[in-house]
Every structure is written in structure tokens, then in C-alpha cells.
Amino acid sequence: MSQAHDAQMLRMQQLVEEVSSLRRAVQSMPRPPVVPAGSVAAGIPPSMASGVARPTAEDLDAMALRMVTLLQESGALSEGRDAPRPDVSTLPLSSEQLEAAGRAGTLVDQVVARGRMSVDDVHEIRRELTKLSGRPEADELRRKLVIAINQNRLVPPDDFEGLP
């Protein structure tokens, strides 16, 4: 019994030391800035802002509601504040885009003819297709690759990281 009692006392002493260490760590943490009397920081109750109290579920709901109200009042949540973007698929290709489409088309044709696509091929085709973002031309080239893979005419890279 004395060994069990000694082990229990030793463990109790370790727990007391751990709790004391945690208490010192918490007390050494910087306190949040004090909110001047009568003001509220973004809907945070003064008792929580001073660090005295922990937020309850109701406090958190009230803070979230207050933030939504502030964002709505500022107009940050209003729908349609950005001007609609034009549909790029209907705009004519620029000379740079025409060149990128030509290079990407050639790369896709070479890869399909070879029957094998390397990781470098994927990166090179991606680089060209980024210049055609949102364009039907890029979608068509990707479609050609997918069809060739599905028909077993094209083998993707072993360490496959996605299509271009």
C-alpha cells in the first residue's frame, strides 16, 4: 500500500505543479485593450471586452448579428454592387490569345498523335490555356484531351496531377 500511496502522492504533486504552471501562463498573457466606459467594440459586451467574462452562446449570436448589421449598413453585403462582367466567350480573341490558342492546339495535337502525355506537356498546355481563360476555345482543347483519354488513344502521365 505504501508504494501505491507514494505513487498517488507523486502524481498529485505533479498535477499541482502543472496546474500552477498553467495558471502562471494564463496570468502572464496580455489582456485585451480596455474599452472606454459607455462604448461597445463591434457589439462585444464590456464584461467580455475587458477579459472578465467568457462569451456565452447568446453573446456569440449577438456579436454575429451586430457584425451582420454593421456590414449591411456599410453596404459591404449589398448584392449587385459590382458591375456585371462581360461574357468573355463572345468577345473576339486578341492577337496574344490567337497565338496561345494556336500553340495549345498544336501541343494537344502532338500529345494525342504521340499517344502519351507527360507532366511537362500538362504544364505547357496549362500555361497556354491560362491565356484563354473562360473561352470556348480552351474548353474545346480540353474536350479533345478528355475524348482521347476516354477512347484509350492518350495515356495521361503516371504521376497524374489533373488535366490542363
N, C-alpha and C. Protein backbone atom coordinates (compact mmCIF):
# COMPACT_ATOMS: atom_id res chain seq x y z
N MET A 1 0.82 -1.19 0.00
CA MET A 1 0.00 0.00 0.00
C MET A 1 0.86 1.24 0.00
N SER A 2 1.99 1.21 0.61
CA SER A 2 2.80 2.41 0.68
C SER A 2 3.32 2.82 -0.69
N GLN A 3 3.64 1.84 -1.56
CA GLN A 3 4.10 2.19 -2.90
C GLN A 3 2.97 2.85 -3.69
N ALA A 4 1.76 2.31 -3.58
CA ALA A 4 0.62 2.90 -4.28
C ALA A 4 0.33 4.29 -3.73
N HIS A 5 0.43 4.43 -2.40
CA HIS A 5 0.20 5.73 -1.79
C HIS A 5 1.27 6.72 -2.21
N ASP A 6 2.53 6.29 -2.27
CA ASP A 6 3.62 7.17 -2.70
C ASP A 6 3.44 7.58 -4.17
N ALA A 7 3.04 6.63 -5.00
CA ALA A 7 2.83 6.92 -6.41
C ALA A 7 1.69 7.92 -6.58
N GLN A 8 0.64 7.74 -5.79
CA GLN A 8 -0.51 8.65 -5.85
C GLN A 8 -0.11 10.04 -5.38
N MET A 9 0.67 10.13 -4.34
CA MET A 9 1.13 11.43 -3.83
C MET A 9 2.04 12.11 -4.85
N LEU A 10 2.91 11.33 -5.49
CA LEU A 10 3.80 11.89 -6.50
C LEU A 10 2.98 12.44 -7.68
N ARG A 11 1.99 11.67 -8.12
CA ARG A 11 1.15 12.13 -9.22
C ARG A 11 0.36 13.38 -8.85
N MET A 12 -0.11 13.43 -7.59
CA MET A 12 -0.84 14.61 -7.12
C MET A 12 0.07 15.83 -7.14
N GLN A 13 1.30 15.66 -6.71
CA GLN A 13 2.26 16.77 -6.70
C GLN A 13 2.53 17.25 -8.13
N GLN A 14 2.64 16.29 -9.09
CA GLN A 14 2.86 16.66 -10.50
C GLN A 14 1.68 17.46 -11.05
N LEU A 15 0.46 17.03 -10.69
CA LEU A 15 -0.73 17.74 -11.14
C LEU A 15 -0.78 19.15 -10.57
N VAL A 16 -0.44 19.30 -9.30
CA VAL A 16 -0.43 20.62 -8.67
C VAL A 16 0.57 21.53 -9.39
N GLU A 17 1.75 20.99 -9.72
CA GLU A 17 2.77 21.78 -10.41
C GLU A 17 2.29 22.16 -11.82
N GLU A 18 1.64 21.23 -12.53
CA GLU A 18 1.13 21.52 -13.87
C GLU A 18 0.06 22.60 -13.84
N VAL A 19 -0.86 22.49 -12.88
CA VAL A 19 -1.92 23.50 -12.75
C VAL A 19 -1.32 24.85 -12.42
N SER A 20 -0.34 24.88 -11.54
CA SER A 20 0.32 26.15 -11.19
C SER A 20 1.02 26.74 -12.40
N SER A 21 1.67 25.90 -13.17
CA SER A 21 2.35 26.37 -14.37
C SER A 21 1.36 26.94 -15.38
N LEU A 22 0.24 26.25 -15.57
CA LEU A 22 -0.79 26.76 -16.48
C LEU A 22 -1.38 28.07 -15.99
N ARG A 23 -1.61 28.18 -14.69
CA ARG A 23 -2.16 29.40 -14.12
C ARG A 23 -1.20 30.58 -14.37
N ARG A 24 0.10 30.35 -14.16
CA ARG A 24 1.08 31.42 -14.40
C ARG A 24 1.10 31.81 -15.87
N ALA A 25 0.99 30.81 -16.76
CA ALA A 25 1.00 31.11 -18.19
C ALA A 25 -0.22 31.95 -18.58
N VAL A 26 -1.39 31.60 -18.06
CA VAL A 26 -2.60 32.36 -18.37
C VAL A 26 -2.52 33.77 -17.81
N GLN A 27 -1.99 33.90 -16.59
CA GLN A 27 -1.90 35.22 -15.98
C GLN A 27 -0.88 36.10 -16.68
N SER A 28 0.11 35.50 -17.31
CA SER A 28 1.13 36.30 -17.99
C SER A 28 0.69 36.73 -19.40
N MET A 29 -0.43 36.17 -19.87
CA MET A 29 -0.91 36.55 -21.20
C MET A 29 -1.39 38.00 -21.18
N PRO A 30 -1.15 38.73 -22.28
CA PRO A 30 -1.60 40.12 -22.31
C PRO A 30 -3.12 40.20 -22.30
N ARG A 31 -3.61 41.16 -21.60
CA ARG A 31 -5.05 41.39 -21.51
C ARG A 31 -5.49 42.15 -22.75
N PRO A 32 -6.73 41.95 -23.20
CA PRO A 32 -7.23 42.74 -24.32
C PRO A 32 -7.34 44.20 -23.91
N PRO A 33 -7.29 45.10 -24.88
CA PRO A 33 -7.37 46.52 -24.54
C PRO A 33 -8.71 46.83 -23.86
N VAL A 34 -8.63 47.74 -22.94
CA VAL A 34 -9.83 48.15 -22.20
C VAL A 34 -10.66 49.08 -23.07
N VAL A 35 -11.94 48.77 -23.15
CA VAL A 35 -12.86 49.60 -23.93
C VAL A 35 -13.34 50.73 -23.02
N PRO A 36 -13.28 51.98 -23.49
CA PRO A 36 -13.74 53.09 -22.66
C PRO A 36 -15.19 52.89 -22.22
N ALA A 37 -15.49 53.37 -21.05
CA ALA A 37 -16.84 53.23 -20.50
C ALA A 37 -17.86 53.83 -21.44
N GLY A 38 -18.95 53.11 -21.62
CA GLY A 38 -20.03 53.61 -22.45
C GLY A 38 -19.90 53.24 -23.91
N SER A 39 -18.77 52.69 -24.33
CA SER A 39 -18.63 52.31 -25.74
C SER A 39 -18.62 50.80 -25.86
N VAL A 40 -18.96 50.36 -27.04
CA VAL A 40 -19.00 48.93 -27.31
C VAL A 40 -18.16 48.67 -28.54
N ALA A 41 -17.25 47.70 -28.46
CA ALA A 41 -16.39 47.35 -29.58
C ALA A 41 -17.07 46.29 -30.42
N ALA A 42 -17.60 46.67 -31.56
CA ALA A 42 -18.24 45.77 -32.51
C ALA A 42 -19.26 44.86 -31.86
N GLY A 43 -20.01 45.38 -30.91
CA GLY A 43 -21.07 44.61 -30.30
C GLY A 43 -20.62 43.68 -29.21
N ILE A 44 -19.38 43.79 -28.77
CA ILE A 44 -18.88 42.92 -27.72
C ILE A 44 -19.27 43.52 -26.37
N PRO A 45 -19.92 42.72 -25.52
CA PRO A 45 -20.30 43.24 -24.21
C PRO A 45 -19.06 43.69 -23.43
N PRO A 46 -19.15 44.78 -22.67
CA PRO A 46 -17.99 45.31 -21.95
C PRO A 46 -17.34 44.29 -21.02
N SER A 47 -18.11 43.40 -20.40
CA SER A 47 -17.50 42.42 -19.50
C SER A 47 -16.59 41.47 -20.26
N MET A 48 -16.94 41.16 -21.50
CA MET A 48 -16.08 40.28 -22.29
C MET A 48 -14.91 41.05 -22.88
N ALA A 49 -15.14 42.28 -23.26
CA ALA A 49 -14.07 43.08 -23.84
C ALA A 49 -12.95 43.31 -22.83
N SER A 50 -13.31 43.38 -21.56
CA SER A 50 -12.28 43.60 -20.55
C SER A 50 -11.61 42.30 -20.15
N GLY A 51 -12.11 41.18 -20.65
CA GLY A 51 -11.49 39.90 -20.35
C GLY A 51 -11.99 39.26 -19.09
N VAL A 52 -13.01 39.85 -18.46
CA VAL A 52 -13.52 39.32 -17.20
C VAL A 52 -14.38 38.09 -17.43
N ALA A 53 -15.21 38.10 -18.47
CA ALA A 53 -16.17 37.02 -18.68
C ALA A 53 -15.89 36.30 -19.99
N ARG A 54 -16.33 35.07 -20.07
CA ARG A 54 -16.25 34.28 -21.29
C ARG A 54 -17.56 34.43 -22.05
N PRO A 55 -17.52 34.44 -23.40
CA PRO A 55 -18.76 34.61 -24.15
C PRO A 55 -19.64 33.36 -24.06
N THR A 56 -20.91 33.59 -23.94
CA THR A 56 -21.88 32.51 -23.96
C THR A 56 -22.37 32.35 -25.40
N ALA A 57 -23.17 31.33 -25.64
CA ALA A 57 -23.73 31.13 -26.98
C ALA A 57 -24.58 32.33 -27.39
N GLU A 58 -25.31 32.89 -26.44
CA GLU A 58 -26.15 34.06 -26.73
C GLU A 58 -25.28 35.27 -27.07
N ASP A 59 -24.15 35.42 -26.34
CA ASP A 59 -23.24 36.52 -26.63
C ASP A 59 -22.68 36.40 -28.05
N LEU A 60 -22.29 35.17 -28.42
CA LEU A 60 -21.73 34.96 -29.76
C LEU A 60 -22.77 35.25 -30.84
N ASP A 61 -24.01 34.82 -30.61
CA ASP A 61 -25.07 35.11 -31.56
C ASP A 61 -25.31 36.62 -31.69
N ALA A 62 -25.28 37.32 -30.54
CA ALA A 62 -25.48 38.77 -30.55
C ALA A 62 -24.34 39.46 -31.30
N MET A 63 -23.11 38.99 -31.09
CA MET A 63 -21.97 39.60 -31.79
C MET A 63 -22.08 39.36 -33.29
N ALA A 64 -22.47 38.14 -33.69
CA ALA A 64 -22.61 37.85 -35.11
C ALA A 64 -23.69 38.72 -35.74
N LEU A 65 -24.81 38.86 -35.04
CA LEU A 65 -25.90 39.69 -35.53
C LEU A 65 -25.45 41.14 -35.67
N ARG A 66 -24.70 41.63 -34.69
CA ARG A 66 -24.20 43.00 -34.73
C ARG A 66 -23.25 43.20 -35.91
N MET A 67 -22.39 42.23 -36.17
CA MET A 67 -21.45 42.34 -37.29
C MET A 67 -22.20 42.35 -38.62
N VAL A 68 -23.22 41.51 -38.74
CA VAL A 68 -24.02 41.50 -39.96
C VAL A 68 -24.69 42.85 -40.15
N THR A 69 -25.23 43.40 -39.07
CA THR A 69 -25.88 44.71 -39.14
C THR A 69 -24.89 45.78 -39.59
N LEU A 70 -23.70 45.78 -39.00
CA LEU A 70 -22.69 46.77 -39.39
C LEU A 70 -22.27 46.61 -40.84
N LEU A 71 -22.10 45.36 -41.29
CA LEU A 71 -21.72 45.13 -42.68
C LEU A 71 -22.83 45.55 -43.64
N GLN A 72 -24.08 45.28 -43.28
CA GLN A 72 -25.19 45.70 -44.13
C GLN A 72 -25.28 47.21 -44.20
N GLU A 73 -25.11 47.88 -43.05
CA GLU A 73 -25.18 49.34 -43.03
C GLU A 73 -24.06 49.96 -43.86
N SER A 74 -22.90 49.30 -43.88
CA SER A 74 -21.78 49.84 -44.65
C SER A 74 -21.91 49.57 -46.14
N GLY A 75 -22.85 48.66 -46.50
CA GLY A 75 -23.02 48.33 -47.90
C GLY A 75 -22.13 47.19 -48.37
N ALA A 76 -21.37 46.61 -47.47
CA ALA A 76 -20.44 45.55 -47.85
C ALA A 76 -21.16 44.27 -48.26
N LEU A 77 -22.39 44.08 -47.80
CA LEU A 77 -23.12 42.86 -48.13
C LEU A 77 -24.17 43.08 -49.20
N SER A 78 -24.25 44.28 -49.75
CA SER A 78 -25.29 44.53 -50.74
C SER A 78 -24.99 43.74 -52.01
N GLU A 79 -26.03 43.14 -52.54
CA GLU A 79 -25.87 42.34 -53.75
C GLU A 79 -25.82 43.25 -54.96
N GLY A 80 -25.06 42.82 -55.93
CA GLY A 80 -25.00 43.54 -57.20
C GLY A 80 -24.23 44.83 -57.14
N ARG A 81 -23.34 44.99 -56.15
CA ARG A 81 -22.60 46.25 -56.10
C ARG A 81 -21.52 46.30 -57.15
N ASP A 82 -21.02 45.14 -57.58
CA ASP A 82 -20.02 45.13 -58.63
C ASP A 82 -20.72 45.16 -59.99
N ALA A 83 -20.13 45.84 -60.92
CA ALA A 83 -20.71 45.87 -62.26
C ALA A 83 -20.60 44.48 -62.86
N PRO A 84 -21.62 44.05 -63.59
CA PRO A 84 -21.55 42.72 -64.19
C PRO A 84 -20.39 42.63 -65.17
N ARG A 85 -19.73 41.51 -65.14
CA ARG A 85 -18.59 41.32 -66.05
C ARG A 85 -19.11 40.85 -67.40
N PRO A 86 -18.49 41.33 -68.46
CA PRO A 86 -18.94 40.90 -69.78
C PRO A 86 -18.59 39.43 -70.01
N ASP A 87 -19.38 38.76 -70.83
CA ASP A 87 -19.14 37.37 -71.17
C ASP A 87 -17.96 37.34 -72.14
N VAL A 88 -16.80 36.85 -71.64
CA VAL A 88 -15.59 36.88 -72.47
C VAL A 88 -15.69 35.93 -73.65
N SER A 89 -16.58 34.95 -73.58
CA SER A 89 -16.67 33.99 -74.68
C SER A 89 -17.22 34.62 -75.95
N THR A 90 -17.87 35.77 -75.82
CA THR A 90 -18.42 36.42 -77.01
C THR A 90 -17.49 37.49 -77.58
N LEU A 91 -16.46 37.85 -76.84
CA LEU A 91 -15.52 38.86 -77.32
C LEU A 91 -14.54 38.22 -78.30
N PRO A 92 -14.07 38.97 -79.28
CA PRO A 92 -13.08 38.40 -80.21
C PRO A 92 -11.75 38.17 -79.50
N LEU A 93 -11.02 37.17 -79.99
CA LEU A 93 -9.71 36.86 -79.41
C LEU A 93 -8.71 37.95 -79.74
N SER A 94 -7.88 38.28 -78.77
CA SER A 94 -6.79 39.22 -79.03
C SER A 94 -5.69 38.48 -79.79
N SER A 95 -4.72 39.21 -80.29
CA SER A 95 -3.63 38.56 -81.04
C SER A 95 -2.85 37.61 -80.13
N GLU A 96 -2.66 38.01 -78.87
CA GLU A 96 -1.96 37.14 -77.93
C GLU A 96 -2.77 35.85 -77.68
N GLN A 97 -4.08 35.98 -77.57
CA GLN A 97 -4.93 34.82 -77.35
C GLN A 97 -4.95 33.91 -78.59
N LEU A 98 -4.95 34.52 -79.78
CA LEU A 98 -4.91 33.72 -81.01
C LEU A 98 -3.63 32.89 -81.06
N GLU A 99 -2.51 33.52 -80.71
CA GLU A 99 -1.23 32.80 -80.70
C GLU A 99 -1.23 31.69 -79.65
N ALA A 100 -1.78 31.98 -78.46
CA ALA A 100 -1.84 30.97 -77.40
C ALA A 100 -2.74 29.81 -77.81
N ALA A 101 -3.86 30.11 -78.47
CA ALA A 101 -4.76 29.05 -78.93
C ALA A 101 -4.07 28.18 -79.97
N GLY A 102 -3.31 28.81 -80.85
CA GLY A 102 -2.58 28.05 -81.87
C GLY A 102 -1.53 27.15 -81.25
N ARG A 103 -0.76 27.69 -80.30
CA ARG A 103 0.28 26.88 -79.64
C ARG A 103 -0.34 25.74 -78.84
N ALA A 104 -1.42 26.03 -78.11
CA ALA A 104 -2.09 25.00 -77.31
C ALA A 104 -2.67 23.92 -78.22
N GLY A 105 -3.28 24.33 -79.34
CA GLY A 105 -3.84 23.36 -80.29
C GLY A 105 -2.77 22.45 -80.86
N THR A 106 -1.63 23.02 -81.21
CA THR A 106 -0.51 22.23 -81.72
C THR A 106 -0.02 21.24 -80.67
N LEU A 107 0.11 21.72 -79.42
CA LEU A 107 0.56 20.83 -78.34
C LEU A 107 -0.42 19.68 -78.12
N VAL A 108 -1.71 19.98 -78.12
CA VAL A 108 -2.73 18.94 -77.93
C VAL A 108 -2.66 17.93 -79.07
N ASP A 109 -2.55 18.41 -80.30
CA ASP A 109 -2.47 17.50 -81.45
C ASP A 109 -1.23 16.61 -81.36
N GLN A 110 -0.09 17.18 -80.94
CA GLN A 110 1.14 16.39 -80.82
C GLN A 110 1.01 15.32 -79.73
N VAL A 111 0.42 15.69 -78.61
CA VAL A 111 0.26 14.76 -77.49
C VAL A 111 -0.66 13.62 -77.90
N VAL A 112 -1.77 13.93 -78.56
CA VAL A 112 -2.72 12.90 -78.98
C VAL A 112 -2.06 12.00 -80.02
N ALA A 113 -1.33 12.58 -80.96
CA ALA A 113 -0.66 11.79 -82.00
C ALA A 113 0.39 10.86 -81.37
N ARG A 114 1.08 11.33 -80.37
CA ARG A 114 2.10 10.54 -79.68
C ARG A 114 1.45 9.45 -78.82
N GLY A 115 0.23 9.72 -78.32
CA GLY A 115 -0.48 8.74 -77.50
C GLY A 115 -0.08 8.75 -76.04
N ARG A 116 0.78 9.63 -75.67
CA ARG A 116 1.25 9.72 -74.29
C ARG A 116 1.43 11.18 -73.92
N MET A 117 1.03 11.51 -72.68
CA MET A 117 1.15 12.90 -72.21
C MET A 117 2.03 12.89 -70.96
N SER A 118 3.04 13.74 -70.95
CA SER A 118 3.92 13.84 -69.79
C SER A 118 3.47 14.99 -68.88
N VAL A 119 4.04 15.04 -67.70
CA VAL A 119 3.73 16.13 -66.77
C VAL A 119 4.15 17.46 -67.38
N ASP A 120 5.26 17.46 -68.09
CA ASP A 120 5.72 18.69 -68.75
C ASP A 120 4.71 19.14 -69.81
N ASP A 121 4.13 18.17 -70.53
CA ASP A 121 3.11 18.52 -71.52
C ASP A 121 1.90 19.18 -70.84
N VAL A 122 1.50 18.61 -69.70
CA VAL A 122 0.37 19.18 -68.96
C VAL A 122 0.66 20.62 -68.58
N HIS A 123 1.86 20.85 -68.04
CA HIS A 123 2.23 22.21 -67.61
C HIS A 123 2.29 23.17 -68.80
N GLU A 124 2.84 22.71 -69.92
CA GLU A 124 2.98 23.57 -71.08
C GLU A 124 1.60 23.94 -71.66
N ILE A 125 0.71 22.95 -71.72
CA ILE A 125 -0.64 23.23 -72.24
C ILE A 125 -1.38 24.15 -71.28
N ARG A 126 -1.24 23.92 -69.98
CA ARG A 126 -1.88 24.80 -69.00
C ARG A 126 -1.42 26.24 -69.16
N ARG A 127 -0.11 26.41 -69.37
CA ARG A 127 0.45 27.76 -69.50
C ARG A 127 -0.22 28.50 -70.66
N GLU A 128 -0.44 27.80 -71.76
CA GLU A 128 -1.08 28.43 -72.91
C GLU A 128 -2.57 28.66 -72.67
N LEU A 129 -3.22 27.68 -72.01
CA LEU A 129 -4.67 27.80 -71.80
C LEU A 129 -5.03 28.87 -70.77
N THR A 130 -4.10 29.24 -69.90
CA THR A 130 -4.42 30.31 -68.94
C THR A 130 -4.69 31.63 -69.66
N LYS A 131 -4.12 31.78 -70.83
CA LYS A 131 -4.36 33.00 -71.62
C LYS A 131 -5.73 32.97 -72.28
N LEU A 132 -6.39 31.79 -72.23
CA LEU A 132 -7.70 31.63 -72.85
C LEU A 132 -8.77 31.36 -71.80
N SER A 133 -8.57 31.86 -70.62
CA SER A 133 -9.48 31.60 -69.50
C SER A 133 -10.91 32.01 -69.85
N GLY A 134 -11.85 31.06 -69.64
CA GLY A 134 -13.26 31.33 -69.88
C GLY A 134 -13.66 31.30 -71.35
N ARG A 135 -12.75 30.92 -72.21
CA ARG A 135 -13.02 30.91 -73.64
C ARG A 135 -13.46 29.53 -74.11
N PRO A 136 -14.37 29.46 -75.07
CA PRO A 136 -14.79 28.16 -75.60
C PRO A 136 -13.65 27.42 -76.31
N GLU A 137 -12.68 28.16 -76.81
CA GLU A 137 -11.54 27.53 -77.48
C GLU A 137 -10.75 26.66 -76.50
N ALA A 138 -10.58 27.15 -75.27
CA ALA A 138 -9.87 26.37 -74.25
C ALA A 138 -10.68 25.14 -73.87
N ASP A 139 -12.00 25.31 -73.75
CA ASP A 139 -12.86 24.17 -73.42
C ASP A 139 -12.79 23.11 -74.51
N GLU A 140 -12.73 23.52 -75.76
CA GLU A 140 -12.68 22.57 -76.87
C GLU A 140 -11.37 21.77 -76.86
N LEU A 141 -10.27 22.44 -76.53
CA LEU A 141 -8.99 21.72 -76.47
C LEU A 141 -8.98 20.72 -75.32
N ARG A 142 -9.54 21.12 -74.19
CA ARG A 142 -9.64 20.18 -73.06
C ARG A 142 -10.53 19.00 -73.43
N ARG A 143 -11.61 19.29 -74.14
CA ARG A 143 -12.53 18.25 -74.57
C ARG A 143 -11.82 17.23 -75.46
N LYS A 144 -10.97 17.72 -76.36
CA LYS A 144 -10.20 16.82 -77.23
C LYS A 144 -9.32 15.88 -76.40
N LEU A 145 -8.70 16.42 -75.36
CA LEU A 145 -7.86 15.59 -74.50
C LEU A 145 -8.68 14.53 -73.77
N VAL A 146 -9.80 14.93 -73.22
CA VAL A 146 -10.65 14.01 -72.46
C VAL A 146 -11.16 12.89 -73.37
N ILE A 147 -11.59 13.24 -74.58
CA ILE A 147 -12.09 12.24 -75.51
C ILE A 147 -10.99 11.25 -75.86
N ALA A 148 -9.79 11.76 -76.13
CA ALA A 148 -8.67 10.88 -76.48
C ALA A 148 -8.33 9.94 -75.31
N ILE A 149 -8.38 10.45 -74.09
CA ILE A 149 -8.11 9.60 -72.92
C ILE A 149 -9.20 8.55 -72.77
N ASN A 150 -10.47 8.96 -72.90
CA ASN A 150 -11.58 8.03 -72.76
C ASN A 150 -11.59 6.96 -73.85
N GLN A 151 -11.08 7.28 -75.02
CA GLN A 151 -11.02 6.31 -76.12
C GLN A 151 -9.71 5.52 -76.10
N ASN A 152 -8.93 5.69 -75.04
CA ASN A 152 -7.64 5.00 -74.88
C ASN A 152 -6.65 5.30 -76.01
N ARG A 153 -6.77 6.48 -76.58
CA ARG A 153 -5.82 6.93 -77.59
C ARG A 153 -4.73 7.79 -76.96
N LEU A 154 -4.93 8.17 -75.69
CA LEU A 154 -3.98 9.03 -74.99
C LEU A 154 -3.83 8.52 -73.56
N VAL A 155 -2.57 8.34 -73.15
CA VAL A 155 -2.29 7.89 -71.78
C VAL A 155 -1.80 9.11 -71.00
N PRO A 156 -2.52 9.44 -69.90
CA PRO A 156 -2.07 10.58 -69.08
C PRO A 156 -0.78 10.23 -68.35
N PRO A 157 -0.10 11.22 -67.77
CA PRO A 157 1.14 10.95 -67.05
C PRO A 157 0.91 10.00 -65.87
N ASP A 158 1.98 9.24 -65.52
CA ASP A 158 1.89 8.31 -64.40
C ASP A 158 1.56 9.03 -63.10
N ASP A 159 2.27 10.09 -62.81
CA ASP A 159 2.01 10.87 -61.61
C ASP A 159 1.01 11.96 -61.95
N PHE A 160 -0.16 11.52 -62.37
CA PHE A 160 -1.21 12.37 -62.91
C PHE A 160 -1.65 13.42 -61.89
N GLU A 161 -1.60 14.66 -62.29
CA GLU A 161 -2.00 15.77 -61.42
C GLU A 161 -3.13 16.59 -62.01
N GLY A 162 -3.89 15.98 -62.88
CA GLY A 162 -5.02 16.67 -63.49
C GLY A 162 -4.75 17.07 -64.91
N LEU A 163 -5.81 17.38 -65.59
CA LEU A 163 -5.69 17.81 -66.97
C LEU A 163 -5.35 19.29 -67.05
N PRO A 164 -4.84 19.70 -68.21
CA PRO A 164 -4.52 21.13 -68.37
C PRO A 164 -5.74 22.01 -68.26
